[in-house]
Amino acid sequence: MVFGNERTARGAARQIYGVNDHIHRYVESPDGLWPEDEAYTAHDASLLAWVWATLMDTTEMAFTRWVRPFDATEADTFYAEMRSFARFLGIPDHLLPADRKAFASYLEDMLSGDLLGTTEESRSVARQVLWFDHRIVPSPLVQVERALALATLDPRIVDRLQIRPDRGDAELGRRLDAWLRAYYGRVPRLPRVTPSLYVLVRRPSIGLVGRARSALAQVWA
């Protein structure tokens, strides 16, 4: 979707749509089930917009924290590219904040409101995401993803989901964060590459924290 031509990108988008076809359920309420037209589906554009927002926030956070700050032109270009990318996910343009200032307001409204992470079920799923346990996934890799995610998540979400790191994870997150800041500063910039592509090509560890942070988007909503 990022590096392919239009045909390849559309094919990748169709694969995502195929997976989302199987993610749906009725939402239970005190009075029973909601009507069918209010059932949860992964194709809900407003929910997809929130997932896109977490990708936008994570990528910008990682680049500006571990590589360097954006300049004004790069920041606006990056946001415009991400808005274009959202169309491949099936998000209509009117659901996306028009510019970076509007996006910042949208993100703050979501983080300060009472919609995200307020149920026991969401807290349980958050722990399943961050403390993932599977025989084919090395536990040290899971801990790296968890420590970086918890070190960079908004503290309000950490508190609401009750996922505060223990002493070991907190120390690992602090050390990894410091190491990433020091290491990436020594890597020369690639010429003529936009920030979004630069992150994806040269910064594999950003993908680690991104997976953990973005997976939580499914929990928060």
Protein backbone atom coordinates (compact mmCIF):
# COMPACT_ATOMS: atom_id res chain seq x y z
CA MET A 1 0.00 0.00 0.00
CA VAL A 2 2.92 2.37 0.61
CA PHE A 3 5.52 1.36 -1.96
CA GLY A 4 3.47 -0.36 -4.67
CA ASN A 5 1.84 1.12 -7.72
CA GLU A 6 -1.88 1.85 -7.74
CA ARG A 7 -2.83 -1.69 -8.78
CA THR A 8 -0.71 -3.24 -6.02
CA ALA A 9 -2.03 -0.81 -3.42
CA ARG A 10 -5.64 -1.52 -4.34
CA GLY A 11 -4.96 -5.26 -4.16
CA ALA A 12 -3.53 -4.87 -0.66
CA ALA A 13 -6.56 -2.81 0.34
CA ARG A 14 -8.88 -5.55 -0.92
CA GLN A 15 -7.04 -8.06 1.28
CA ILE A 16 -7.64 -5.85 4.31
CA TYR A 17 -11.29 -5.54 3.38
CA GLY A 18 -11.50 -9.33 3.13
CA VAL A 19 -10.19 -9.72 6.67
CA ASN A 20 -12.53 -7.03 7.97
CA ASP A 21 -15.49 -8.87 6.45
CA HIS A 22 -15.13 -11.41 9.27
CA ILE A 23 -14.89 -8.89 12.12
CA HIS A 24 -18.40 -8.05 13.25
CA ARG A 25 -20.75 -8.68 16.14
CA TYR A 26 -23.89 -7.42 17.82
CA VAL A 27 -23.32 -5.09 20.73
CA GLU A 28 -24.90 -6.15 23.99
CA SER A 29 -26.79 -3.58 26.01
CA PRO A 30 -28.72 -3.69 29.29
CA ASP A 31 -31.93 -4.04 27.26
CA GLY A 32 -30.63 -6.79 25.02
CA LEU A 33 -29.10 -6.50 21.56
CA TRP A 34 -28.94 -3.33 19.54
CA PRO A 35 -30.74 -3.31 16.19
CA GLU A 36 -28.82 -4.95 13.36
CA ASP A 37 -27.94 -1.63 11.75
CA GLU A 38 -26.09 -0.68 14.94
CA ALA A 39 -24.05 -3.86 15.18
CA TYR A 40 -20.26 -3.52 15.35
CA THR A 41 -18.36 -4.03 12.10
CA ALA A 42 -14.71 -3.46 11.21
CA HIS A 43 -15.94 -1.62 8.11
CA ASP A 44 -17.39 1.18 10.24
CA ALA A 45 -15.73 4.25 8.74
CA SER A 46 -15.78 6.24 11.98
CA LEU A 47 -13.91 3.44 13.77
CA LEU A 48 -11.48 3.11 10.87
CA ALA A 49 -10.85 6.85 11.17
CA TRP A 50 -9.76 6.37 14.78
CA VAL A 51 -7.44 3.48 13.81
CA TRP A 52 -5.96 5.72 11.10
CA ALA A 53 -5.49 8.48 13.68
CA THR A 54 -3.45 6.18 15.91
CA LEU A 55 -1.23 5.29 12.94
CA MET A 56 -0.80 8.97 12.17
CA ASP A 57 0.03 9.81 15.78
CA THR A 58 2.41 6.85 16.25
CA THR A 59 4.41 7.52 13.11
CA GLU A 60 4.82 11.22 13.83
CA MET A 61 5.63 10.55 17.49
CA ALA A 62 8.30 7.99 16.60
CA PHE A 63 9.96 10.09 13.90
CA THR A 64 10.05 13.32 15.85
CA ARG A 65 11.09 11.60 19.09
CA TRP A 66 13.82 9.29 17.76
CA VAL A 67 14.96 10.89 14.51
CA ARG A 68 14.43 14.66 14.51
CA PRO A 69 11.62 17.20 14.58
CA PHE A 70 9.68 17.88 11.41
CA ASP A 71 10.12 21.22 9.78
CA ALA A 72 6.93 23.04 8.80
CA THR A 73 6.92 21.84 5.19
CA GLU A 74 7.58 18.20 6.09
CA ALA A 75 4.85 18.17 8.72
CA ASP A 76 2.21 19.43 6.31
CA THR A 77 3.39 17.11 3.52
CA PHE A 78 3.32 14.11 5.83
CA TYR A 79 -0.19 14.87 6.98
CA ALA A 80 -1.41 15.29 3.41
CA GLU A 81 0.14 11.94 2.47
CA MET A 82 -1.51 10.22 5.42
CA ARG A 83 -4.91 11.66 4.46
CA SER A 84 -4.45 10.23 0.97
CA PHE A 85 -3.43 6.89 2.47
CA ALA A 86 -6.66 6.81 4.49
CA ARG A 87 -8.72 6.53 1.32
CA PHE A 88 -7.23 3.09 0.68
CA LEU A 89 -8.67 2.03 4.04
CA GLY A 90 -12.15 3.08 2.97
CA ILE A 91 -12.35 6.25 5.07
CA PRO A 92 -14.29 9.06 3.38
CA ASP A 93 -12.54 12.39 3.26
CA HIS A 94 -15.16 14.20 5.35
CA LEU A 95 -14.36 12.02 8.40
CA LEU A 96 -10.72 13.09 8.43
CA PRO A 97 -9.53 16.29 10.12
CA ALA A 98 -8.82 18.86 7.42
CA ASP A 99 -5.35 19.84 8.65
CA ARG A 100 -2.83 19.23 11.41
CA LYS A 101 -4.45 21.71 13.78
CA ALA A 102 -7.83 20.02 13.36
CA PHE A 103 -6.18 16.62 13.84
CA ALA A 104 -4.59 17.74 17.11
CA SER A 105 -8.01 18.88 18.37
CA TYR A 106 -9.62 15.60 17.31
CA LEU A 107 -6.94 13.54 19.04
CA GLU A 108 -7.18 15.56 22.24
CA ASP A 109 -10.97 15.27 22.29
CA MET A 110 -10.69 11.49 21.99
CA LEU A 111 -8.00 11.16 24.66
CA SER A 112 -9.68 13.48 27.14
CA GLY A 113 -13.19 12.09 26.67
CA ASP A 114 -14.71 9.09 28.40
CA LEU A 115 -15.13 6.90 25.31
CA LEU A 116 -11.80 5.06 25.36
CA GLY A 117 -10.80 2.26 27.69
CA THR A 118 -13.64 2.58 30.19
CA THR A 119 -14.83 -1.05 30.39
CA GLU A 120 -13.43 -4.15 32.04
CA GLU A 121 -13.50 -5.92 28.69
CA SER A 122 -11.30 -3.27 27.09
CA ARG A 123 -8.83 -3.47 29.97
CA SER A 124 -8.69 -7.24 29.64
CA VAL A 125 -8.04 -7.08 25.90
CA ALA A 126 -5.36 -4.42 26.41
CA ARG A 127 -3.46 -6.76 28.68
CA GLN A 128 -3.82 -9.58 26.14
CA VAL A 129 -2.27 -7.31 23.50
CA LEU A 130 0.64 -6.09 25.62
CA TRP A 131 1.33 -9.28 27.56
CA PHE A 132 0.85 -11.53 24.55
CA ASP A 133 1.84 -15.14 25.25
CA HIS A 134 2.39 -17.64 22.44
CA ARG A 135 4.90 -20.43 22.03
CA ILE A 136 6.19 -19.18 18.65
CA VAL A 137 6.62 -15.55 19.73
CA PRO A 138 9.76 -14.92 21.85
CA SER A 139 8.83 -13.29 25.14
CA PRO A 140 11.77 -10.82 24.98
CA LEU A 141 10.34 -9.42 21.72
CA VAL A 142 6.93 -9.04 23.34
CA GLN A 143 8.53 -7.22 26.25
CA VAL A 144 10.38 -4.81 23.94
CA GLU A 145 7.14 -3.92 22.14
CA ARG A 146 5.29 -3.58 25.46
CA ALA A 147 7.96 -1.45 27.12
CA LEU A 148 8.20 0.96 24.19
CA ALA A 149 4.43 1.20 23.81
CA LEU A 150 3.90 1.93 27.50
CA ALA A 151 6.75 4.45 27.50
CA THR A 152 5.14 6.45 24.69
CA LEU A 153 1.39 6.07 25.26
CA ASP A 154 -0.61 8.97 26.62
CA PRO A 155 -0.63 8.58 30.45
CA ARG A 156 -4.40 9.06 30.51
CA ILE A 157 -4.87 5.92 28.43
CA VAL A 158 -2.35 3.99 30.52
CA ASP A 159 -4.28 4.87 33.67
CA ARG A 160 -7.70 4.23 32.16
CA LEU A 161 -6.73 0.80 30.82
CA GLN A 162 -4.86 -0.01 34.05
CA ILE A 163 -1.72 -1.07 32.19
CA ARG A 164 0.97 0.74 34.15
CA PRO A 165 4.35 -0.96 33.59
CA ASP A 166 6.08 -2.76 36.42
CA ARG A 167 9.57 -1.69 37.45
CA GLY A 168 11.27 -3.96 34.89
CA ASP A 169 9.19 -2.77 31.94
CA ALA A 170 9.50 0.86 33.00
CA GLU A 171 13.29 0.62 33.21
CA LEU A 172 13.53 -1.23 29.89
CA GLY A 173 11.31 1.37 28.24
CA ARG A 174 13.48 4.18 29.60
CA ARG A 175 16.68 2.52 28.38
CA LEU A 176 15.29 1.68 24.94
CA ASP A 177 13.93 5.18 24.50
CA ALA A 178 17.32 6.68 25.38
CA TRP A 179 19.12 4.24 23.09
CA LEU A 180 16.84 4.99 20.16
CA ARG A 181 17.29 8.73 20.61
CA ALA A 182 21.08 8.32 20.60
CA TYR A 183 21.31 5.74 17.82
CA TYR A 184 19.03 7.29 15.22
CA GLY A 185 20.78 10.60 15.55
CA ARG A 186 23.88 9.00 14.01
CA VAL A 187 22.13 7.54 10.97
CA PRO A 188 22.44 9.87 7.95
CA ARG A 189 19.26 11.02 6.24
CA LEU A 190 18.34 9.47 2.92
CA PRO A 191 18.19 12.08 0.16
CA ARG A 192 14.88 12.99 -1.48
CA VAL A 193 12.76 10.73 0.71
CA THR A 194 9.66 12.07 2.41
CA PRO A 195 9.43 11.61 6.21
CA SER A 196 6.72 8.95 6.02
CA LEU A 197 8.69 6.75 3.62
CA TYR A 198 11.92 7.46 5.50
CA VAL A 199 10.36 6.12 8.68
CA LEU A 200 9.16 2.94 7.02
CA VAL A 201 12.37 2.22 5.09
CA ARG A 202 15.03 3.07 7.63
CA ARG A 203 13.36 2.72 11.01
CA PRO A 204 12.30 -0.89 11.62
CA SER A 205 12.00 -0.45 15.37
CA ILE A 206 9.29 2.15 14.80
CA GLY A 207 7.27 -0.72 13.40
CA LEU A 208 7.65 -2.59 16.70
CA VAL A 209 6.18 0.12 18.87
CA GLY A 210 3.68 0.94 16.15
CA ARG A 211 2.24 -2.55 16.15
CA ALA A 212 1.70 -2.51 19.88
CA ARG A 213 0.33 1.05 20.00
CA SER A 214 -1.93 0.60 16.99
CA ALA A 215 -3.24 -2.74 18.18
CA LEU A 216 -4.50 -0.89 21.24
CA ALA A 217 -6.62 1.24 18.94
CA GLN A 218 -8.90 -1.76 18.62
CA VAL A 219 -9.18 -1.81 22.42
CA TRP A 220 -9.68 1.89 23.10
CA ALA A 221 -12.74 2.21 20.88
